[in-house]
C-alpha atoms as a PDB file:
ATOM      1  CA  MET A   1       0.382  -0.337   0.003  1.00  0.00           C
ATOM      2  CA  SER A   2       1.493   3.472  -0.657  1.00  0.00           C
ATOM      3  CA  LEU A   3       2.002   5.693   2.060  1.00  0.00           C
ATOM      4  CA  ALA A   4       0.183   8.806   0.676  1.00  0.00           C
ATOM      5  CA  PRO A   5      -3.514   9.081   1.386  1.00  0.00           C
ATOM      6  CA  THR A   6      -4.298   7.543  -2.341  1.00  0.00           C
ATOM      7  CA  CYS A   7      -7.317   7.699  -3.730  1.00  0.00           C
ATOM      8  CA  ARG A   8      -9.415   4.467  -4.432  1.00  0.00           C
ATOM      9  CA  VAL A   9     -11.274   5.912  -7.921  1.00  0.00           C
ATOM     10  CA  CYS A  10      -8.373   7.868  -9.398  1.00  0.00           C
ATOM     11  CA  ASN A  11      -5.339   6.727  -7.766  1.00  0.00           C
ATOM     12  CA  HIS A  12      -4.529  10.387  -7.011  1.00  0.00           C
ATOM     13  CA  THR A  13      -3.348  12.297  -3.167  1.00  0.00           C
ATOM     14  CA  GLY A  14      -5.910  13.046  -1.566  1.00  0.00           C
ATOM     15  CA  SER A  15      -5.811  15.658   1.136  1.00  0.00           C
ATOM     16  CA  TYR A  16      -6.730  15.342   4.711  1.00  0.00           C
ATOM     17  CA  TYR A  17     -10.363  17.012   5.582  1.00  0.00           C
ATOM     18  CA  ALA A  18     -11.410  15.674   9.235  1.00  0.00           C
ATOM     19  CA  ARG A  19     -10.810  13.037  11.773  1.00  0.00           C
ATOM     20  CA  LYS A  20     -13.673  10.679  12.891  1.00  0.00           C
ATOM     21  CA  GLY A  21     -13.778   8.830  15.507  1.00  0.00           C
ATOM     22  CA  ASP A  22     -10.349   6.866  15.228  1.00  0.00           C
ATOM     23  CA  PHE A  23     -10.514   7.163  11.560  1.00  0.00           C
ATOM     24  CA  ASP A  24      -8.756   9.854   9.386  1.00  0.00           C
ATOM     25  CA  VAL A  25     -11.323  11.040   5.745  1.00  0.00           C
ATOM     26  CA  TYR A  26      -8.934  12.578   3.284  1.00  0.00           C
ATOM     27  CA  GLN A  27     -10.716  14.686  -0.328  1.00  0.00           C
ATOM     28  CA  CYS A  28      -9.143  13.248  -3.547  1.00  0.00           C
ATOM     29  CA  SER A  29      -7.330  16.544  -5.184  1.00  0.00           C
ATOM     30  CA  SER A  30      -8.901  15.309  -8.023  1.00  0.00           C
ATOM     31  CA  CYS A  31     -12.289  13.791  -8.294  1.00  0.00           C
ATOM     32  CA  ARG A  32     -13.614  14.594  -4.483  1.00  0.00           C
ATOM     33  CA  LEU A  33     -14.014  11.122  -3.176  1.00  0.00           C
ATOM     34  CA  LEU A  34     -14.173  11.044   0.151  1.00  0.00           C
ATOM     35  CA  PHE A  35     -12.635   8.445   1.065  1.00  0.00           C
ATOM     36  CA  VAL A  36     -10.507   6.754   4.830  1.00  0.00           C
ATOM     37  CA  TRP A  37      -6.989   6.270   5.285  1.00  0.00           C
ATOM     38  CA  PRO A  38      -5.715   4.126   6.116  1.00  0.00           C
ATOM     39  CA  LEU A  39      -7.981   1.512   5.921  1.00  0.00           C
ATOM     40  CA  PRO A  40      -9.171   0.042   8.466  1.00  0.00           C
ATOM     41  CA  ARG A  41      -6.671  -2.891   9.124  1.00  0.00           C
ATOM     42  CA  ASP A  42     -10.042  -6.196   8.389  1.00  0.00           C
ATOM     43  CA  VAL A  43     -13.147  -4.093   6.706  1.00  0.00           C
ATOM     44  CA  LEU A  44     -15.340  -7.217   6.167  1.00  0.00           C
ATOM     45  CA  GLU A  45     -14.686  -8.254  10.825  1.00  0.00           C
ATOM     46  CA  ILE A  46     -17.558  -4.936  11.588  1.00  0.00           C
ATOM     47  CA  TYR A  47     -20.234  -7.065   9.733  1.00  0.00           C
ATOM     48  CA  GLY A  48     -19.450 -10.011  11.828  1.00  0.00           C
ATOM     49  CA  GLY A  49     -21.081 -10.914  15.545  1.00  0.00           C
ATOM     50  CA  ASP A  50     -24.507  -8.498  16.199  1.00  0.00           C
ATOM     51  CA  TYR A  51     -24.033  -5.917  13.436  1.00  0.00           C
ATOM     52  CA  PHE A  52     -27.474  -7.162  12.193  1.00  0.00           C
ATOM     53  CA  ALA A  53     -28.836  -8.318  14.978  1.00  0.00           C
ATOM     54  CA  GLY A  54     -27.865  -5.986  18.263  1.00  0.00           C
ATOM     55  CA  GLY A  55     -25.853  -3.148  16.927  1.00  0.00           C
ATOM     56  CA  THR A  56     -23.788  -3.284  20.711  1.00  0.00           C
ATOM     57  CA  HIS A  57     -20.601  -2.124  19.560  1.00  0.00           C
ATOM     58  CA  GLY A  58     -22.113   1.503  18.538  1.00  0.00           C
ATOM     59  CA  PHE A  59     -22.855   0.710  14.734  1.00  0.00           C
ATOM     60  CA  GLY A  60     -25.206  -2.205  13.131  1.00  0.00           C
ATOM     61  CA  TYR A  61     -28.846  -2.790  13.843  1.00  0.00           C
ATOM     62  CA  THR A  62     -30.809  -3.820  16.576  1.00  0.00           C
ATOM     63  CA  ASP A  63     -32.872  -6.223  14.558  1.00  0.00           C
ATOM     64  CA  TYR A  64     -32.069  -5.801  11.055  1.00  0.00           C
ATOM     65  CA  ASP A  65     -35.581  -7.028   9.300  1.00  0.00           C
ATOM     66  CA  ARG A  66     -37.423  -5.444  12.029  1.00  0.00           C
ATOM     67  CA  ASP A  67     -35.677  -2.034  11.188  1.00  0.00           C
ATOM     68  CA  LYS A  68     -36.316  -2.601   7.293  1.00  0.00           C
ATOM     69  CA  GLN A  69     -40.069  -3.035   7.413  1.00  0.00           C
ATOM     70  CA  ALA A  70     -40.396   0.344   7.253  1.00  0.00           C
ATOM     71  CA  MET A  71     -38.458   0.413   3.871  1.00  0.00           C
ATOM     72  CA  VAL A  72     -41.237  -1.678   2.366  1.00  0.00           C
ATOM     73  CA  ALA A  73     -42.845   0.884   0.002  1.00  0.00           C
ATOM     74  CA  THR A  74     -39.525   3.048  -0.573  1.00  0.00           C
ATOM     75  CA  PHE A  75     -38.085  -0.779  -2.224  1.00  0.00           C
ATOM     76  CA  GLU A  76     -41.458  -1.352  -3.999  1.00  0.00           C
ATOM     77  CA  THR A  77     -40.495   2.101  -5.265  1.00  0.00           C
ATOM     78  CA  TYR A  78     -37.056   1.057  -6.530  1.00  0.00           C
ATOM     79  CA  LEU A  79     -38.574  -2.039  -7.990  1.00  0.00           C
ATOM     80  CA  GLN A  80     -40.724  -0.311 -10.367  1.00  0.00           C
ATOM     81  CA  ARG A  81     -38.096   2.018 -11.217  1.00  0.00           C
ATOM     82  CA  ILE A  82     -35.996  -0.727 -12.383  1.00  0.00           C
ATOM     83  CA  GLU A  83     -38.980  -1.988 -14.273  1.00  0.00           C
ATOM     84  CA  ARG A  84     -39.443   0.587 -16.213  1.00  0.00           C
ATOM     85  CA  PHE A  85     -36.284  -0.206 -18.368  1.00  0.00           C
ATOM     86  CA  LEU A  86     -37.050  -3.596 -19.024  1.00  0.00           C
ATOM     87  CA  SER A  87     -39.355  -4.793 -21.551  1.00  0.00           C
ATOM     88  CA  PRO A  88     -41.867  -8.043 -20.880  1.00  0.00           C
ATOM     89  CA  ALA A  89     -39.508  -9.910 -22.857  1.00  0.00           C
ATOM     90  CA  GLU A  90     -36.400  -9.188 -21.587  1.00  0.00           C
ATOM     91  CA  GLY A  91     -35.902 -11.593 -18.121  1.00  0.00           C
ATOM     92  CA  LYS A  92     -36.009 -10.723 -14.738  1.00  0.00           C
ATOM     93  CA  ARG A  93     -32.956 -12.055 -13.013  1.00  0.00           C
ATOM     94  CA  LEU A  94     -31.473 -10.223 -10.022  1.00  0.00           C
ATOM     95  CA  LEU A  95     -28.201 -10.021  -8.179  1.00  0.00           C
ATOM     96  CA  ASP A  96     -28.090  -8.022  -5.380  1.00  0.00           C
ATOM     97  CA  VAL A  97     -24.533  -6.978  -3.863  1.00  0.00           C
ATOM     98  CA  GLY A  98     -24.675  -6.977  -0.023  1.00  0.00           C
ATOM     99  CA  ALA A  99     -27.879  -8.650   0.465  1.00  0.00           C
ATOM    100  CA  ALA A 100     -27.973  -8.806   4.460  1.00  0.00           C
ATOM    101  CA  THR A 101     -30.207 -10.963   6.041  1.00  0.00           C
ATOM    102  CA  GLY A 102     -32.215 -11.395   2.249  1.00  0.00           C
ATOM    103  CA  PHE A 103     -34.703  -8.240   3.113  1.00  0.00           C
ATOM    104  CA  PHE A 104     -35.157  -7.118  -0.060  1.00  0.00           C
ATOM    105  CA  LEU A 105     -34.457 -10.186  -2.106  1.00  0.00           C
ATOM    106  CA  ASP A 106     -37.768 -11.972  -0.182  1.00  0.00           C
ATOM    107  CA  LEU A 107     -39.413  -8.428  -1.654  1.00  0.00           C
ATOM    108  CA  ALA A 108     -38.311  -9.271  -4.875  1.00  0.00           C
ATOM    109  CA  ARG A 109     -38.674 -12.857  -5.273  1.00  0.00           C
ATOM    110  CA  GLN A 110     -42.655 -12.005  -4.461  1.00  0.00           C
ATOM    111  CA  ASN A 111     -42.547  -9.628  -6.952  1.00  0.00           C
ATOM    112  CA  GLY A 112     -41.617 -12.211  -9.762  1.00  0.00           C
ATOM    113  CA  TRP A 113     -37.866 -11.138  -9.425  1.00  0.00           C
ATOM    114  CA  ASP A 114     -36.191 -14.834 -10.002  1.00  0.00           C
ATOM    115  CA  THR A 115     -33.432 -13.717  -7.043  1.00  0.00           C
ATOM    116  CA  VAL A 116     -29.900 -14.324  -6.038  1.00  0.00           C
ATOM    117  CA  GLY A 117     -27.567 -12.946  -3.156  1.00  0.00           C
ATOM    118  CA  ILE A 118     -24.269 -12.590  -1.446  1.00  0.00           C
ATOM    119  CA  GLU A 119     -23.408 -10.929   1.754  1.00  0.00           C
ATOM    120  CA  PRO A 120     -20.072 -10.855   3.754  1.00  0.00           C
ATOM    121  CA  ALA A 121     -21.813 -11.362   7.162  1.00  0.00           C
ATOM    122  CA  GLU A 122     -22.044 -15.013   6.787  1.00  0.00           C
ATOM    123  CA  ARG A 123     -24.936 -15.013  10.294  1.00  0.00           C
ATOM    124  CA  ALA A 124     -26.659 -12.427   8.170  1.00  0.00           C
ATOM    125  CA  ALA A 125     -26.368 -14.648   4.740  1.00  0.00           C
ATOM    126  CA  ALA A 126     -27.603 -17.434   7.154  1.00  0.00           C
ATOM    127  CA  MET A 127     -30.443 -15.592   7.509  1.00  0.00           C
ATOM    128  CA  ALA A 128     -31.004 -15.016   4.229  1.00  0.00           C
ATOM    129  CA  ARG A 129     -30.859 -18.657   3.579  1.00  0.00           C
ATOM    130  CA  GLY A 130     -33.354 -19.672   6.511  1.00  0.00           C
ATOM    131  CA  LYS A 131     -35.782 -17.634   4.041  1.00  0.00           C
ATOM    132  CA  LYS A 132     -34.944 -20.203   0.949  1.00  0.00           C
ATOM    133  CA  LEU A 133     -32.932 -17.802  -0.952  1.00  0.00           C
ATOM    134  CA  LYS A 134     -30.042 -18.217  -2.941  1.00  0.00           C
ATOM    135  CA  VAL A 135     -27.592 -15.644  -0.846  1.00  0.00           C
ATOM    136  CA  THR A 136     -23.653 -16.913  -1.324  1.00  0.00           C
ATOM    137  CA  THR A 137     -21.294 -15.683   1.969  1.00  0.00           C
ATOM    138  CA  GLY A 138     -18.346 -13.305   0.380  1.00  0.00           C
ATOM    139  CA  VAL A 139     -17.477 -10.753  -1.982  1.00  0.00           C
ATOM    140  CA  LEU A 140     -18.226 -10.284  -5.267  1.00  0.00           C
ATOM    141  CA  GLU A 141     -14.774 -11.352  -7.466  1.00  0.00           C
ATOM    142  CA  PRO A 142     -14.358 -12.117 -11.031  1.00  0.00           C
ATOM    143  CA  GLY A 143     -15.863 -15.905 -11.845  1.00  0.00           C
ATOM    144  CA  LEU A 144     -18.235 -16.388  -9.276  1.00  0.00           C
ATOM    145  CA  TYR A 145     -21.154 -15.876 -11.313  1.00  0.00           C
ATOM    146  CA  ALA A 146     -21.085 -16.158 -14.841  1.00  0.00           C
ATOM    147  CA  GLU A 147     -20.289 -13.136 -16.932  1.00  0.00           C
ATOM    148  CA  SER A 148     -23.600 -11.375 -18.844  1.00  0.00           C
ATOM    149  CA  SER A 149     -26.078 -13.564 -16.682  1.00  0.00           C
ATOM    150  CA  PHE A 150     -28.243 -10.824 -14.933  1.00  0.00           C
ATOM    151  CA  ASP A 151     -30.640  -8.459 -16.327  1.00  0.00           C
ATOM    152  CA  VAL A 152     -30.132  -6.627 -12.947  1.00  0.00           C
ATOM    153  CA  VAL A 153     -27.851  -6.230  -9.725  1.00  0.00           C
ATOM    154  CA  THR A 154     -28.655  -3.677  -7.259  1.00  0.00           C
ATOM    155  CA  LEU A 155     -26.344  -2.579  -4.678  1.00  0.00           C
ATOM    156  CA  TRP A 156     -28.565  -0.713  -1.557  1.00  0.00           C
ATOM    157  CA  ASP A 157     -26.314   1.474   0.651  1.00  0.00           C
ATOM    158  CA  VAL A 158     -23.462  -1.042  -0.346  1.00  0.00           C
ATOM    159  CA  LEU A 159     -20.612   1.495  -2.508  1.00  0.00           C
ATOM    160  CA  GLU A 160     -20.148   3.619   0.550  1.00  0.00           C
ATOM    161  CA  HIS A 161     -18.883   0.278   2.438  1.00  0.00           C
ATOM    162  CA  LEU A 162     -16.725  -1.081  -0.201  1.00  0.00           C
ATOM    163  CA  ALA A 163     -13.068  -0.649  -0.026  1.00  0.00           C
ATOM    164  CA  ASP A 164     -12.599  -0.965  -3.500  1.00  0.00           C
ATOM    165  CA  PRO A 165     -15.202   0.727  -5.089  1.00  0.00           C
ATOM    166  CA  MET A 166     -14.016   0.640  -8.712  1.00  0.00           C
ATOM    167  CA  ALA A 167     -13.066  -3.272  -9.015  1.00  0.00           C
ATOM    168  CA  THR A 168     -16.113  -4.355  -7.876  1.00  0.00           C
ATOM    169  CA  MET A 169     -18.476  -1.836 -10.116  1.00  0.00           C
ATOM    170  CA  ARG A 170     -16.341  -3.202 -12.930  1.00  0.00           C
ATOM    171  CA  VAL A 171     -17.050  -6.533 -12.033  1.00  0.00           C
ATOM    172  CA  VAL A 172     -20.897  -5.641 -11.697  1.00  0.00           C
ATOM    173  CA  SER A 173     -19.978  -4.204 -15.689  1.00  0.00           C
ATOM    174  CA  ALA A 174     -19.567  -7.604 -16.331  1.00  0.00           C
ATOM    175  CA  LEU A 175     -22.119  -9.184 -15.103  1.00  0.00           C
ATOM    176  CA  LEU A 176     -24.758  -7.087 -16.461  1.00  0.00           C
ATOM    177  CA  LYS A 177     -26.330  -8.603 -20.063  1.00  0.00           C
ATOM    178  CA  PRO A 178     -25.957  -5.853 -22.897  1.00  0.00           C
ATOM    179  CA  GLY A 179     -29.332  -3.276 -21.852  1.00  0.00           C
ATOM    180  CA  GLY A 180     -29.326  -4.878 -18.438  1.00  0.00           C
ATOM    181  CA  ILE A 181     -29.366  -2.353 -15.111  1.00  0.00           C
ATOM    182  CA  VAL A 182     -27.198  -1.072 -12.190  1.00  0.00           C
ATOM    183  CA  ALA A 183     -29.453  -0.170  -9.709  1.00  0.00           C
ATOM    184  CA  ILE A 184     -27.724   1.367  -7.042  1.00  0.00           C
ATOM    185  CA  ASN A 185     -28.312   3.650  -3.807  1.00  0.00           C
ATOM    186  CA  THR A 186     -25.860   5.694  -2.245  1.00  0.00           C
ATOM    187  CA  PRO A 187     -24.703   8.965   0.092  1.00  0.00           C
ATOM    188  CA  ASP A 188     -24.480  11.572  -2.192  1.00  0.00           C
ATOM    189  CA  SER A 189     -21.340  14.169  -0.645  1.00  0.00           C
ATOM    190  CA  SER A 190     -22.169  16.661  -3.019  1.00  0.00           C
ATOM    191  CA  SER A 191     -25.378  17.155  -2.186  1.00  0.00           C
ATOM    192  CA  LEU A 192     -26.515  20.653   0.253  1.00  0.00           C
ATOM    193  CA  TRP A 193     -26.993  18.865   3.325  1.00  0.00           C
ATOM    194  CA  SER A 194     -23.228  17.253   3.458  1.00  0.00           C
ATOM    195  CA  ARG A 195     -21.594  20.386   2.365  1.00  0.00           C
ATOM    196  CA  LEU A 196     -23.433  21.749   5.087  1.00  0.00           C
ATOM    197  CA  MET A 197     -22.726  19.924   8.011  1.00  0.00           C
ATOM    198  CA  GLY A 198     -19.178  18.689   6.380  1.00  0.00           C
ATOM    199  CA  SER A 199     -16.900  16.720   8.449  1.00  0.00           C
ATOM    200  CA  ARG A 200     -20.340  16.313  11.207  1.00  0.00           C
ATOM    201  CA  TRP A 201     -21.818  15.005   8.769  1.00  0.00           C
ATOM    202  CA  HIS A 202     -23.782  11.908   9.896  1.00  0.00           C
ATOM    203  CA  LEU A 203     -23.164   9.958   6.674  1.00  0.00           C
ATOM    204  CA  LEU A 204     -19.711  10.431   7.459  1.00  0.00           C
ATOM    205  CA  CYS A 205     -19.292   7.716   9.632  1.00  0.00           C
ATOM    206  CA  PRO A 206     -16.192   5.495   9.299  1.00  0.00           C
ATOM    207  CA  PRO A 207     -15.132   2.015   9.878  1.00  0.00           C
ATOM    208  CA  GLU A 208     -18.876   1.316   8.200  1.00  0.00           C
ATOM    209  CA  HIS A 209     -18.111   4.027   5.218  1.00  0.00           C
ATOM    210  CA  LEU A 210     -15.306   3.812   3.770  1.00  0.00           C
ATOM    211  CA  CYS A 211     -15.695   5.801   0.254  1.00  0.00           C
ATOM    212  CA  LEU A 212     -18.167   8.864  -0.030  1.00  0.00           C
ATOM    213  CA  PHE A 213     -18.850   9.874  -3.695  1.00  0.00           C
ATOM    214  CA  GLY A 214     -20.596  12.898  -5.097  1.00  0.00           C
ATOM    215  CA  ASN A 215     -23.784  12.851  -8.356  1.00  0.00           C
ATOM    216  CA  GLY A 216     -20.400  14.157 -11.376  1.00  0.00           C
ATOM    217  CA  LEU A 217     -18.277  11.343 -10.439  1.00  0.00           C
ATOM    218  CA  LEU A 218     -20.438   8.347 -10.015  1.00  0.00           C
ATOM    219  CA  ASN A 219     -21.600   9.605 -13.345  1.00  0.00           C
ATOM    220  CA  HIS A 220     -17.866   9.772 -14.261  1.00  0.00           C
ATOM    221  CA  MET A 221     -17.484   6.204 -13.316  1.00  0.00           C
ATOM    222  CA  LEU A 222     -20.001   4.143 -14.133  1.00  0.00           C
ATOM    223  CA  THR A 223     -19.688   6.141 -17.846  1.00  0.00           C
ATOM    224  CA  GLU A 224     -15.663   4.181 -17.971  1.00  0.00           C
ATOM    225  CA  ILE A 225     -16.913   0.747 -17.072  1.00  0.00           C
ATOM    226  CA  GLY A 226     -19.498   0.743 -20.172  1.00  0.00           C
ATOM    227  CA  LEU A 227     -22.695   1.920 -18.348  1.00  0.00           C
ATOM    228  CA  ASP A 228     -25.094   5.029 -19.329  1.00  0.00           C
ATOM    229  CA  ILE A 229     -26.948   6.693 -16.564  1.00  0.00           C
ATOM    230  CA  VAL A 230     -30.619   6.413 -17.795  1.00  0.00           C
ATOM    231  CA  GLU A 231     -32.540   7.898 -13.861  1.00  0.00           C
ATOM    232  CA  ARG A 232     -31.297   9.723 -10.727  1.00  0.00           C
ATOM    233  CA  ASP A 233     -33.225  10.811  -8.360  1.00  0.00           C
ATOM    234  CA  LYS A 234     -33.720  11.664  -4.500  1.00  0.00           C
ATOM    235  CA  ILE A 235     -36.019   9.171  -3.246  1.00  0.00           C
ATOM    236  CA  GLY A 236     -36.474   9.279   0.719  1.00  0.00           C
ATOM    237  CA  LYS A 237     -36.903   6.331   2.574  1.00  0.00           C
ATOM    238  CA  ARG A 238     -38.704   5.190   5.414  1.00  0.00           C
ATOM    239  CA  PHE A 239     -37.402   4.346   9.768  1.00  0.00           C
ATOM    240  CA  THR A 240     -38.143   3.084  12.750  1.00  0.00           C
ATOM    241  CA  LEU A 241     -38.318   5.426  15.053  1.00  0.00           C
ATOM    242  CA  GLN A 242     -35.171   3.460  17.001  1.00  0.00           C
ATOM    243  CA  TYR A 243     -33.049   3.522  14.258  1.00  0.00           C
ATOM    244  CA  VAL A 244     -33.399   7.377  14.059  1.00  0.00           C
ATOM    245  CA  ALA A 245     -32.686   7.202  17.891  1.00  0.00           C
ATOM    246  CA  GLN A 246     -29.739   5.212  17.600  1.00  0.00           C
ATOM    247  CA  THR A 247     -28.750   6.574  14.659  1.00  0.00           C
ATOM    248  CA  LEU A 248     -28.736  10.268  16.198  1.00  0.00           C
ATOM    249  CA  ALA A 249     -26.412   8.794  19.577  1.00  0.00           C
ATOM    250  CA  ARG A 250     -24.074   7.710  16.945  1.00  0.00           C
ATOM    251  CA  TRP A 251     -23.982  10.708  15.459  1.00  0.00           C
ATOM    252  CA  GLN A 252     -24.123  13.678  18.316  1.00  0.00           C
ATOM    253  CA  ARG A 253     -23.547  11.102  21.037  1.00  0.00           C
ATOM    254  CA  ARG A 254     -25.176  11.916  23.784  1.00  0.00           C
ATOM    255  CA  ALA A 255     -27.029  10.672  26.697  1.00  0.00           C
ATOM    256  CA  LEU A 256     -30.169  11.804  25.854  1.00  0.00           C
ATOM    257  CA  TRP A 257     -30.482  10.237  22.044  1.00  0.00           C
ATOM    258  CA  GLN A 258     -28.836   6.752  23.852  1.00  0.00           C
ATOM    259  CA  ARG A 259     -31.084   6.594  26.697  1.00  0.00           C
ATOM    260  CA  MET A 260     -34.628   6.888  24.094  1.00  0.00           C
ATOM    261  CA  ALA A 261     -32.882   4.531  21.927  1.00  0.00           C
ATOM    262  CA  LYS A 262     -32.638   1.624  24.482  1.00  0.00           C
ATOM    263  CA  SER A 263     -36.248   2.656  25.708  1.00  0.00           C
ATOM    264  CA  LEU A 264     -37.115   2.362  22.464  1.00  0.00           C
ATOM    265  CA  GLN A 265     -35.858  -0.778  22.256  1.00  0.00           C
ATOM    266  CA  GLY A 266     -38.562  -3.401  20.714  1.00  0.00           C
ATOM    267  CA  SER A 267     -41.653  -1.119  22.140  1.00  0.00           C
ATOM    268  CA  ARG A 268     -44.659  -0.482  19.741  1.00  0.00           C
ATOM    269  CA  ILE A 269     -43.777   3.125  18.780  1.00  0.00           C
ATOM    270  CA  GLY A 270     -40.399   2.081  18.453  1.00  0.00           C
ATOM    271  CA  HIS A 271     -41.728   0.073  15.442  1.00  0.00           C
ATOM    272  CA  CYS A 272     -43.424   2.901  14.311  1.00  0.00           C
ATOM    273  CA  GLY A 273     -41.864   4.599  10.255  1.00  0.00           C
ATOM    274  CA  VAL A 274     -40.828   7.581   9.581  1.00  0.00           C
ATOM    275  CA  SER A 275     -39.969   9.225   6.565  1.00  0.00           C
ATOM    276  CA  ILE A 276     -36.972  11.415   6.193  1.00  0.00           C
ATOM    277  CA  ASN A 277     -36.077  13.392   3.062  1.00  0.00           C
ATOM    278  CA  LEU A 278     -33.010  14.985   2.813  1.00  0.00           C
ATOM    279  CA  TYR A 279     -31.543  14.701  -0.150  1.00  0.00           C
ATOM    280  CA  ASP A 280     -28.255  13.386   0.739  1.00  0.00           C
ATOM    281  CA  ASN A 281     -29.052   9.651  -0.305  1.00  0.00           C
ATOM    282  CA  LEU A 282     -28.657   9.593  -4.316  1.00  0.00           C
ATOM    283  CA  PHE A 283     -31.026   7.258  -6.749  1.00  0.00           C
ATOM    284  CA  LEU A 284     -28.921   6.066  -9.723  1.00  0.00           C
ATOM    285  CA  LEU A 285     -30.390   3.495 -12.366  1.00  0.00           C
ATOM    286  CA  ALA A 286     -27.501   3.170 -15.051  1.00  0.00           C
ATOM    287  CA  ARG A 287     -27.745   0.760 -17.859  1.00  0.00           C
ATOM    288  CA  LYS A 288     -25.128  -1.473 -19.531  1.00  0.00           C
ATOM    289  CA  ARG A 289     -23.984  -0.736 -23.366  1.00  0.00           C
ATOM    290  CA  MET A 290     -24.962  -3.061 -25.875  1.00  0.00           C
END
């Protein structure tokens, strides 16, 4: 590894941006990517243990499947947007990268999709397989699936977690059939909210988020690997009140939010969903060139 903080998209040197927790964040002098440097020793380690069920280390989920219940309508909107760019004659074979416990895959299956997933956390992947879903434990690498074998590849809140996003997206492009669609949701570091908040932006949160992209950079990166953006939007999400309180506690580190998150855990009101859209998450659909 280079001793200088080197951008993991364009390989230019970055300048110091902020210290978050135990990690230094840099910004690329060329493409403006925000990235953690140096990388944590084992970037996948945090997704083991109780990341998806417990979240006792200050990140993760108390109960992933319960928290994602609030996201059903959003996921269904994602699927509807995708289907607008696929003709009835085309297949509906979908790969979900970072499938977690298979919550989205299960919903897609119910909507008529032939679903496959990959997830690095063994515990979460096992939970997905317990739902009779085809989910492999591991990370996306060349040769894992046959090239040009999927109509759609989805990466929901995944790109920002990747140590080498360019390498992963090159594999994604290879796996798509010509004319196939890649669907991405990821934080937008060029958004007004992120620029107003600067280093206090709640989505600047290592060691979970390692790379944060601006809108222009995503367009450039996808174009370079043979994908043309056909839709971009800022689609709001729904979160449980317990998850909102937990996020605020991690972000602001105040006892009030910590007490609230603990009191809401397991309660009926804690399961209630609330819609939030700070316009700092970017939804993208891109088509592979024929």
